[in-house]
Amino acid sequence: MSIFGTMKTAVSGMNAQANRLGTVGDNIANSSTVGYKRSSTAFSTLVLPSTQGSYSSGGVETNVRYSIAEQGGIQYTTSSTDLAIQGEGFFIVSDPNGTPYLTRAGAFVKDATGFLKNTAGFNLMGYPYGTNPPAAVVNGFNGLEEININDFGMVSSPSTAGSFPANLDKGAAIVPGGSLPSDNVAGSVITNKSSLTAYDHAGAKVLYDFYYTKTGTNTWEVAVYRQDQATNGGFPYAVTAPDVLVQQKVDLVFDPNTNKLTTASPKSITFVDPNDGATPAQSIEIDLSDMTQFAAAFTPGKGIIDGNAPSPITDVEIGGDGVVTAVYQDGGRRPIYQVALATVPSIDKLLPQNGNVYLPTNDSGVVTIGFPQAGAFGQIYSGALESSNVDIASELTEMIESQRVYTANSKVFQTGSDLMDVLINLKR
């Protein structure tokens, strides 16, 4: 065995332990980094050909391994935009140049321009809600956008559907011919009246009057008018042209045994209001299926209708399915994006980059994009963060062991150096 070979083997061992200490140092330094995945050093032998009676020492080489697939602990926070993943998925984020990356670092905060940005400066990406993205995309990021909350800052939506139940008094007097035959004049006879607030295309509030008139045994007429076209809050209503007056009637028929609507009775009323000039004109359908006819006073139920007035966004909520919902100042909610998740066949073969992000490689396999709660992508937890998977106790143990082995290798090197001194002194 060559003395120089011994010394080179010892140097190889010291370099290997120095690499090991490097990974330990990184792990300890990032033990509090959100979504950080620990690295480790694996050793393999370097064997040189030996001849009979002579051994040639080789050495050791190191390979860095990343425990990216290992789940970190979930810790809950007070921020609704902090996100954690339980499963194999990764958030898709982009840098300032628009390059997509994968990450588990979900500490996102809305910046001044409305983007959800994590602590490393990467923007969260997703699909616009309602665009019907494919269930799974292989090896492609097409259709993904940087999520921007400010794009939906001041919006309104017109009312299109709602429900307005009520109990109609079974003992009410019958009004022959109905309450609103065709004259639409003051003095028309009605039984009961209630009103429901809706929103037009500009977000303005519109009050609609609902009239209920008993026209026969177990039969009621429901009619709808727009209140701002009424005189003194009631009849008569202005009739200038058929397209500017909301007027619609349906006849409800009740089962005398159950005092609920019969199967043959209309279950809703639909009316069209073209007054805000939108094209097509605003159409609203009100569900009446919960109407009853008990022997009790007229009691309108709680009216529910969609649409909202113009209102700024005050918060966002992100569900376990990845749907990003804008919460408006008036309490309204609107889904605006859906967060996508990505994964690869060999997660530990992803290539780490600065900022706790990863790039796919040939060894990791192609990227597949899907959604939370589907397959192996996992589930998103809002108001939570994934901690690093570093175990400080294990890292300190690794550090001590590496230090001992490094010292032992240095002793081998020192011994080889001493033997070289002996050989050199033989000449003297």
Protein backbone atom coordinates (compact mmCIF):
# COMPACT_ATOMS: atom_id res chain seq x y z
CA MET A 1 0.00 0.00 0.00
CA SER A 2 1.34 3.40 -0.98
CA ILE A 3 1.88 5.87 1.87
CA PHE A 4 0.76 8.62 -0.45
CA GLY A 5 -2.37 6.55 -1.13
CA THR A 6 -3.06 6.36 2.57
CA MET A 7 -2.78 10.10 2.90
CA LYS A 8 -5.06 10.65 -0.10
CA THR A 9 -7.61 8.25 1.38
CA ALA A 10 -7.53 10.19 4.63
CA VAL A 11 -8.06 13.46 2.72
CA SER A 12 -11.01 11.84 0.94
CA GLY A 13 -12.47 10.89 4.32
CA MET A 14 -12.03 14.41 5.69
CA ASN A 15 -13.66 15.92 2.60
CA ALA A 16 -16.57 13.52 2.96
CA GLN A 17 -17.11 14.49 6.59
CA ALA A 18 -16.81 18.18 5.66
CA ASN A 19 -19.66 17.66 3.17
CA ARG A 20 -21.61 15.90 5.88
CA LEU A 21 -21.07 18.83 8.24
CA GLY A 22 -22.24 21.13 5.44
CA THR A 23 -25.62 19.42 5.20
CA VAL A 24 -25.93 19.37 8.99
CA GLY A 25 -25.18 23.10 9.09
CA ASP A 26 -27.83 23.82 6.44
CA ASN A 27 -30.40 21.72 8.26
CA ILE A 28 -29.81 23.42 11.60
CA ALA A 29 -29.81 26.88 9.99
CA ASN A 30 -33.16 26.16 8.29
CA SER A 31 -34.79 24.27 11.15
CA SER A 32 -37.31 27.14 11.47
CA THR A 33 -37.78 27.71 7.73
CA VAL A 34 -41.37 27.04 6.63
CA GLY A 35 -41.61 23.99 4.39
CA TYR A 36 -37.87 23.29 4.43
CA LYS A 37 -36.84 19.70 3.65
CA ARG A 38 -33.66 18.39 5.24
CA SER A 39 -30.68 17.13 3.30
CA SER A 40 -28.30 14.33 4.25
CA THR A 41 -25.03 12.86 3.03
CA ALA A 42 -24.71 9.27 1.82
CA PHE A 43 -21.29 7.61 1.47
CA SER A 44 -20.04 5.13 -1.10
CA THR A 45 -16.62 3.49 -1.50
CA LEU A 46 -13.98 4.22 -4.13
CA VAL A 47 -12.05 0.99 -4.80
CA LEU A 48 -8.75 0.94 -6.74
CA PRO A 49 -7.39 -2.23 -8.38
CA SER A 50 -4.99 -4.11 -6.10
CA THR A 51 -2.30 -6.59 -7.03
CA GLN A 52 -1.35 -9.73 -5.16
CA GLY A 53 0.51 -8.77 -2.03
CA SER A 54 -0.17 -5.04 -2.49
CA TYR A 55 -3.32 -3.19 -1.45
CA SER A 56 -4.19 0.13 -3.09
CA SER A 57 -6.34 2.28 -0.89
CA GLY A 58 -9.19 4.07 -2.60
CA GLY A 59 -11.35 6.43 -0.62
CA VAL A 60 -14.94 7.56 -0.16
CA GLU A 61 -17.29 9.76 -2.12
CA THR A 62 -20.45 11.52 -0.97
CA ASN A 63 -23.87 11.96 -2.47
CA VAL A 64 -26.31 14.51 -1.11
CA ARG A 65 -29.85 13.28 -0.63
CA TYR A 66 -32.95 15.38 0.00
CA SER A 67 -35.87 14.21 2.11
CA ILE A 68 -38.39 16.28 0.14
CA ALA A 69 -41.16 13.69 0.32
CA GLU A 70 -41.00 13.56 4.13
CA GLN A 71 -43.95 15.40 5.67
CA GLY A 72 -43.29 18.22 8.10
CA GLY A 73 -45.51 19.03 11.05
CA ILE A 74 -48.60 21.22 10.62
CA GLN A 75 -48.70 24.30 12.82
CA TYR A 76 -51.73 26.58 12.94
CA THR A 77 -51.48 30.37 12.61
CA THR A 78 -53.82 33.36 12.67
CA SER A 79 -53.46 34.30 8.98
CA SER A 80 -56.07 33.01 6.52
CA THR A 81 -53.53 33.15 3.68
CA ASP A 82 -51.03 30.86 5.42
CA LEU A 83 -51.31 27.49 3.67
CA ALA A 84 -50.02 24.01 4.47
CA ILE A 85 -50.27 20.78 2.48
CA GLN A 86 -50.87 17.36 3.99
CA GLY A 87 -49.88 14.98 1.19
CA GLU A 88 -47.53 14.83 -1.78
CA GLY A 89 -48.55 18.03 -3.53
CA PHE A 90 -46.59 21.25 -4.02
CA PHE A 91 -47.75 24.81 -4.46
CA ILE A 92 -47.00 26.23 -7.90
CA VAL A 93 -45.34 29.63 -7.61
CA SER A 94 -43.59 31.98 -10.01
CA ASP A 95 -40.63 34.33 -9.71
CA PRO A 96 -40.59 37.95 -10.98
CA ASN A 97 -39.74 36.64 -14.46
CA GLY A 98 -42.79 34.38 -14.52
CA THR A 99 -40.81 31.12 -14.24
CA PRO A 100 -42.85 28.46 -12.43
CA TYR A 101 -41.44 26.54 -9.46
CA LEU A 102 -42.71 24.05 -6.91
CA THR A 103 -42.63 24.74 -3.17
CA ARG A 104 -44.07 23.70 0.18
CA ALA A 105 -43.44 27.13 1.71
CA GLY A 106 -47.00 28.43 2.12
CA ALA A 107 -46.54 31.60 4.19
CA PHE A 108 -48.39 33.81 1.69
CA VAL A 109 -49.30 37.45 2.28
CA LYS A 110 -51.17 39.85 -0.02
CA ASP A 111 -48.72 42.50 -1.18
CA ALA A 112 -49.49 46.09 -2.20
CA THR A 113 -50.35 45.03 -5.75
CA GLY A 114 -52.70 42.25 -4.65
CA PHE A 115 -50.52 39.20 -5.31
CA LEU A 116 -50.25 36.40 -2.74
CA LYS A 117 -46.49 36.34 -2.16
CA ASN A 118 -44.52 34.07 0.18
CA THR A 119 -41.54 35.10 2.28
CA ALA A 120 -39.08 34.23 -0.51
CA GLY A 121 -40.89 36.55 -2.94
CA PHE A 122 -42.66 33.94 -5.08
CA ASN A 123 -46.27 34.49 -6.20
CA LEU A 124 -48.90 31.78 -5.71
CA MET A 125 -50.50 30.50 -8.93
CA GLY A 126 -53.90 29.00 -9.67
CA TYR A 127 -56.72 28.78 -12.18
CA PRO A 128 -59.39 31.49 -12.49
CA TYR A 129 -62.53 30.11 -10.89
CA GLY A 130 -65.12 28.88 -13.35
CA THR A 131 -62.76 28.37 -16.29
CA ASN A 132 -63.24 24.58 -16.09
CA PRO A 133 -59.55 23.62 -16.03
CA PRO A 134 -58.77 19.97 -16.78
CA ALA A 135 -58.85 17.49 -13.92
CA ALA A 136 -55.13 16.76 -14.33
CA VAL A 137 -52.43 18.31 -16.50
CA VAL A 138 -49.25 16.42 -17.28
CA ASN A 139 -46.01 18.30 -17.93
CA GLY A 140 -47.55 21.71 -18.52
CA PHE A 141 -48.38 24.94 -16.68
CA ASN A 142 -50.75 26.37 -19.30
CA GLY A 143 -53.75 28.23 -17.97
CA LEU A 144 -52.23 28.99 -14.58
CA GLU A 145 -52.20 32.60 -13.43
CA GLU A 146 -50.61 34.50 -10.58
CA ILE A 147 -53.41 34.97 -8.06
CA ASN A 148 -54.21 38.67 -7.72
CA ILE A 149 -56.86 39.72 -5.23
CA ASN A 150 -56.97 43.36 -6.36
CA ASP A 151 -58.40 42.33 -9.74
CA PHE A 152 -61.69 41.75 -7.91
CA GLY A 153 -61.51 44.79 -5.64
CA MET A 154 -64.78 46.57 -6.43
CA VAL A 155 -67.34 44.35 -8.11
CA SER A 156 -71.05 43.75 -8.00
CA SER A 157 -73.19 41.00 -9.41
CA PRO A 158 -76.85 41.12 -10.43
CA SER A 159 -79.44 38.98 -8.73
CA THR A 160 -80.53 35.94 -10.72
CA ALA A 161 -82.12 33.55 -8.22
CA GLY A 162 -83.49 33.40 -4.73
CA SER A 163 -86.21 32.01 -2.51
CA PHE A 164 -89.05 33.74 -0.67
CA PRO A 165 -91.26 31.39 1.40
CA ALA A 166 -94.37 32.45 3.26
CA ASN A 167 -97.42 31.03 4.99
CA LEU A 168 -100.70 32.11 3.39
CA ASP A 169 -103.73 32.13 5.70
CA LYS A 170 -106.05 29.29 4.71
CA GLY A 171 -108.99 31.18 6.17
CA ALA A 172 -108.49 34.31 4.05
CA ALA A 173 -111.41 35.59 2.00
CA ILE A 174 -111.53 34.70 -1.67
CA VAL A 175 -111.14 37.64 -4.09
CA PRO A 176 -113.07 36.81 -7.26
CA GLY A 177 -111.10 37.36 -10.43
CA GLY A 178 -107.80 37.86 -8.64
CA SER A 179 -106.09 40.95 -7.33
CA LEU A 180 -104.54 42.24 -10.54
CA PRO A 181 -106.84 41.50 -13.46
CA SER A 182 -105.65 43.98 -16.08
CA ASP A 183 -106.59 47.44 -14.96
CA ASN A 184 -103.62 48.01 -12.60
CA VAL A 185 -105.38 50.88 -10.93
CA ALA A 186 -105.74 52.15 -7.42
CA GLY A 187 -108.27 50.21 -5.42
CA SER A 188 -107.27 46.77 -6.67
CA VAL A 189 -108.05 44.21 -3.99
CA ILE A 190 -105.19 42.16 -2.55
CA THR A 191 -104.87 39.82 0.37
CA ASN A 192 -101.23 40.18 1.48
CA LYS A 193 -98.05 41.93 0.41
CA SER A 194 -94.31 41.57 1.14
CA SER A 195 -91.15 42.88 -0.50
CA LEU A 196 -87.74 41.52 -1.43
CA THR A 197 -84.53 43.45 -2.15
CA ALA A 198 -82.41 42.43 -5.14
CA TYR A 199 -79.50 43.97 -7.09
CA ASP A 200 -79.29 45.12 -10.71
CA HIS A 201 -76.26 44.91 -13.03
CA ALA A 202 -74.77 48.08 -11.54
CA GLY A 203 -75.14 46.77 -8.00
CA ALA A 204 -78.01 49.14 -7.16
CA LYS A 205 -80.67 47.87 -4.78
CA VAL A 206 -84.08 47.21 -6.31
CA LEU A 207 -87.17 46.49 -4.21
CA TYR A 208 -89.76 44.12 -5.64
CA ASP A 209 -93.31 43.94 -4.27
CA PHE A 210 -94.88 40.48 -3.98
CA TYR A 211 -98.70 40.36 -3.85
CA TYR A 212 -100.57 37.26 -2.63
CA THR A 213 -104.29 37.00 -3.31
CA LYS A 214 -106.60 34.08 -2.62
CA THR A 215 -108.51 33.48 -5.86
CA GLY A 216 -110.26 30.25 -4.93
CA THR A 217 -110.32 27.36 -2.51
CA ASN A 218 -106.66 26.29 -2.02
CA THR A 219 -105.65 28.57 -4.90
CA TRP A 220 -103.54 31.73 -4.64
CA GLU A 221 -102.21 34.21 -7.12
CA VAL A 222 -98.68 35.61 -6.70
CA ALA A 223 -97.76 38.77 -8.62
CA VAL A 224 -94.51 40.78 -8.69
CA TYR A 225 -94.03 44.50 -9.37
CA ARG A 226 -91.07 46.84 -9.13
CA GLN A 227 -91.72 49.17 -6.20
CA ASP A 228 -90.09 52.31 -7.60
CA GLN A 229 -92.74 52.26 -10.34
CA ALA A 230 -95.53 52.43 -7.79
CA THR A 231 -97.47 55.41 -6.47
CA ASN A 232 -97.14 55.85 -2.68
CA GLY A 233 -95.60 52.38 -2.36
CA GLY A 234 -98.53 50.57 -3.99
CA PHE A 235 -101.15 50.73 -6.74
CA PRO A 236 -101.27 52.11 -9.30
CA TYR A 237 -97.95 51.16 -10.95
CA ALA A 238 -96.66 53.17 -13.90
CA VAL A 239 -97.36 51.52 -17.21
CA THR A 240 -95.43 53.26 -19.98
CA ALA A 241 -94.39 50.30 -22.11
CA PRO A 242 -94.34 46.52 -21.67
CA ASP A 243 -90.55 46.47 -21.44
CA VAL A 244 -90.18 48.85 -18.51
CA LEU A 245 -92.59 47.30 -16.01
CA VAL A 246 -91.87 44.17 -14.03
CA GLN A 247 -95.17 42.31 -13.86
CA GLN A 248 -95.52 38.56 -13.57
CA LYS A 249 -98.15 36.29 -12.07
CA VAL A 250 -98.37 32.59 -11.17
CA ASP A 251 -101.21 30.61 -9.63
CA LEU A 252 -100.27 28.40 -6.71
CA VAL A 253 -102.37 25.36 -5.88
CA PHE A 254 -102.23 23.81 -2.40
CA ASP A 255 -103.03 20.27 -1.31
CA PRO A 256 -105.87 20.53 1.26
CA ASN A 257 -104.43 17.60 3.26
CA THR A 258 -100.79 18.73 3.55
CA ASN A 259 -101.37 22.48 3.00
CA LYS A 260 -98.31 22.46 0.78
CA LEU A 261 -98.04 22.97 -2.96
CA THR A 262 -99.38 20.15 -5.11
CA THR A 263 -97.10 18.40 -7.56
CA ALA A 264 -98.90 20.11 -10.44
CA SER A 265 -98.55 23.62 -8.98
CA PRO A 266 -95.84 26.05 -10.13
CA LYS A 267 -92.93 26.02 -7.70
CA SER A 268 -91.33 29.31 -8.70
CA ILE A 269 -91.94 32.65 -10.34
CA THR A 270 -89.60 34.14 -12.94
CA PHE A 271 -89.69 37.78 -13.96
CA VAL A 272 -87.60 39.89 -16.30
CA ASP A 273 -86.46 43.43 -15.43
CA PRO A 274 -84.88 45.37 -18.30
CA ASN A 275 -84.77 48.67 -16.42
CA ASP A 276 -80.97 48.88 -16.02
CA GLY A 277 -80.44 48.59 -19.78
CA ALA A 278 -78.32 45.41 -19.61
CA THR A 279 -78.36 42.91 -22.47
CA PRO A 280 -79.85 40.42 -22.02
CA ALA A 281 -82.32 41.91 -19.57
CA GLN A 282 -82.04 40.81 -15.97
CA SER A 283 -84.02 37.64 -15.28
CA ILE A 284 -84.74 36.60 -11.69
CA GLU A 285 -86.23 33.30 -10.57
CA ILE A 286 -87.69 33.10 -7.08
CA ASP A 287 -88.25 29.68 -5.53
CA LEU A 288 -91.70 29.34 -3.95
CA SER A 289 -91.58 25.61 -3.24
CA ASP A 290 -91.65 26.13 0.55
CA MET A 291 -94.91 28.08 0.50
CA THR A 292 -97.58 26.78 2.92
CA GLN A 293 -101.29 27.37 3.53
CA PHE A 294 -101.99 26.79 7.19
CA ALA A 295 -104.76 28.38 9.23
CA ALA A 296 -102.51 31.07 10.62
CA ALA A 297 -101.75 34.70 9.89
CA PHE A 298 -99.81 35.62 6.80
CA THR A 299 -96.15 35.16 7.70
CA PRO A 300 -93.45 35.91 5.14
CA GLY A 301 -90.28 33.88 5.62
CA LYS A 302 -86.70 35.02 5.25
CA GLY A 303 -86.03 35.95 1.65
CA ILE A 304 -82.72 34.81 0.24
CA ILE A 305 -81.35 36.13 -3.04
CA ASP A 306 -77.96 36.20 -4.75
CA GLY A 307 -76.14 39.23 -6.09
CA ASN A 308 -74.36 41.98 -4.22
CA ALA A 309 -73.80 45.71 -4.20
CA PRO A 310 -70.38 47.20 -5.02
CA SER A 311 -68.11 46.49 -2.09
CA PRO A 312 -64.33 46.26 -1.54
CA ILE A 313 -62.59 43.04 -0.55
CA THR A 314 -61.66 42.89 3.12
CA ASP A 315 -60.31 39.34 3.33
CA VAL A 316 -59.83 36.11 1.41
CA GLU A 317 -60.63 32.57 2.45
CA ILE A 318 -58.98 29.47 1.01
CA GLY A 319 -60.77 26.17 1.44
CA GLY A 320 -59.42 22.64 1.66
CA ASP A 321 -60.32 22.21 -2.01
CA GLY A 322 -58.13 25.17 -2.94
CA VAL A 323 -60.97 27.56 -3.82
CA VAL A 324 -59.98 31.16 -3.09
CA THR A 325 -63.04 33.14 -1.98
CA ALA A 326 -63.07 36.92 -1.79
CA VAL A 327 -64.86 38.25 1.30
CA TYR A 328 -66.40 41.66 0.74
CA GLN A 329 -67.06 44.44 3.21
CA ASP A 330 -70.81 43.88 3.06
CA GLY A 331 -70.38 40.21 3.97
CA GLY A 332 -70.74 38.91 0.42
CA ARG A 333 -68.49 36.12 -0.83
CA ARG A 334 -67.30 35.30 -4.32
CA PRO A 335 -65.03 32.46 -5.49
CA ILE A 336 -62.28 33.94 -7.68
CA TYR A 337 -59.51 31.34 -8.05
CA GLN A 338 -58.71 27.71 -7.38
CA VAL A 339 -55.23 26.86 -6.15
CA ALA A 340 -53.58 24.07 -8.14
CA LEU A 341 -51.11 21.54 -6.73
CA ALA A 342 -48.34 19.67 -8.53
CA THR A 343 -46.36 16.50 -7.93
CA VAL A 344 -43.77 14.29 -9.64
CA PRO A 345 -43.16 10.51 -9.62
CA SER A 346 -39.86 10.79 -7.70
CA ILE A 347 -40.21 13.69 -5.29
CA ASP A 348 -36.78 13.33 -3.66
CA LYS A 349 -35.14 13.83 -7.08
CA LEU A 350 -36.42 17.38 -7.45
CA LEU A 351 -33.69 20.00 -7.78
CA PRO A 352 -33.60 22.51 -4.87
CA GLN A 353 -33.22 26.18 -5.73
CA ASN A 354 -32.78 29.38 -3.72
CA GLY A 355 -35.91 30.42 -1.87
CA ASN A 356 -36.97 26.93 -0.80
CA VAL A 357 -38.34 26.08 -4.25
CA TYR A 358 -37.76 23.13 -6.57
CA LEU A 359 -37.41 22.41 -10.26
CA PRO A 360 -38.33 19.10 -11.91
CA THR A 361 -35.51 17.06 -13.44
CA ASN A 362 -35.24 14.04 -15.69
CA ASP A 363 -34.72 11.93 -12.57
CA SER A 364 -37.80 13.31 -10.82
CA GLY A 365 -40.08 12.71 -13.80
CA VAL A 366 -42.71 14.91 -15.40
CA VAL A 367 -44.91 17.27 -13.41
CA THR A 368 -48.59 16.42 -12.95
CA ILE A 369 -50.93 19.24 -11.94
CA GLY A 370 -54.21 18.64 -10.17
CA PHE A 371 -56.30 19.92 -7.29
CA PRO A 372 -56.40 19.47 -3.51
CA GLN A 373 -58.40 16.52 -2.18
CA ALA A 374 -57.78 14.59 -5.40
CA GLY A 375 -55.47 11.58 -5.61
CA ALA A 376 -52.07 11.94 -3.99
CA PHE A 377 -52.00 15.74 -4.18
CA GLY A 378 -53.20 16.02 -0.60
CA GLN A 379 -55.28 18.58 1.22
CA ILE A 380 -54.73 22.27 1.83
CA TYR A 381 -55.04 23.62 5.38
CA SER A 382 -55.79 27.33 5.58
CA GLY A 383 -54.40 29.26 8.52
CA ALA A 384 -51.57 26.75 8.95
CA LEU A 385 -47.96 26.24 7.91
CA GLU A 386 -45.83 23.16 7.38
CA SER A 387 -42.75 23.28 9.57
CA SER A 388 -39.38 21.95 8.46
CA ASN A 389 -38.77 18.23 8.82
CA VAL A 390 -35.44 18.83 10.61
CA ASP A 391 -34.91 17.02 13.92
CA ILE A 392 -32.37 19.09 15.88
CA ALA A 393 -31.40 16.17 18.13
CA SER A 394 -30.58 13.98 15.13
CA GLU A 395 -28.60 16.76 13.49
CA LEU A 396 -26.50 17.37 16.60
CA THR A 397 -25.79 13.66 16.81
CA GLU A 398 -24.71 13.70 13.15
CA MET A 399 -22.49 16.68 13.86
CA ILE A 400 -20.72 15.00 16.77
CA GLU A 401 -20.22 11.79 14.82
CA SER A 402 -18.91 13.68 11.81
CA GLN A 403 -16.48 15.59 14.00
CA ARG A 404 -15.13 12.34 15.50
CA VAL A 405 -14.73 10.68 12.12
CA TYR A 406 -13.06 13.79 10.68
CA THR A 407 -10.57 13.74 13.57
CA ALA A 408 -9.87 10.04 13.00
CA ASN A 409 -9.16 10.67 9.31
CA SER A 410 -6.83 13.49 10.23
CA LYS A 411 -4.95 11.07 12.48
CA VAL A 412 -4.52 8.69 9.53
CA PHE A 413 -3.19 11.58 7.47
CA GLN A 414 -0.83 12.57 10.28
CA THR A 415 0.40 8.99 10.59
CA GLY A 416 1.11 8.85 6.85
CA SER A 417 3.01 12.10 7.14
CA ASP A 418 5.09 10.68 10.00
CA LEU A 419 5.92 7.59 7.92
CA MET A 420 7.05 9.86 5.11
CA ASP A 421 9.39 11.58 7.56
CA VAL A 422 10.85 8.19 8.51
CA LEU A 423 11.51 7.34 4.86
CA ILE A 424 13.14 10.69 4.21
CA ASN A 425 15.34 10.33 7.31
CA LEU A 426 16.58 6.91 6.09
CA LYS A 427 18.68 8.70 3.48
CA ARG A 428 20.45 10.63 6.16
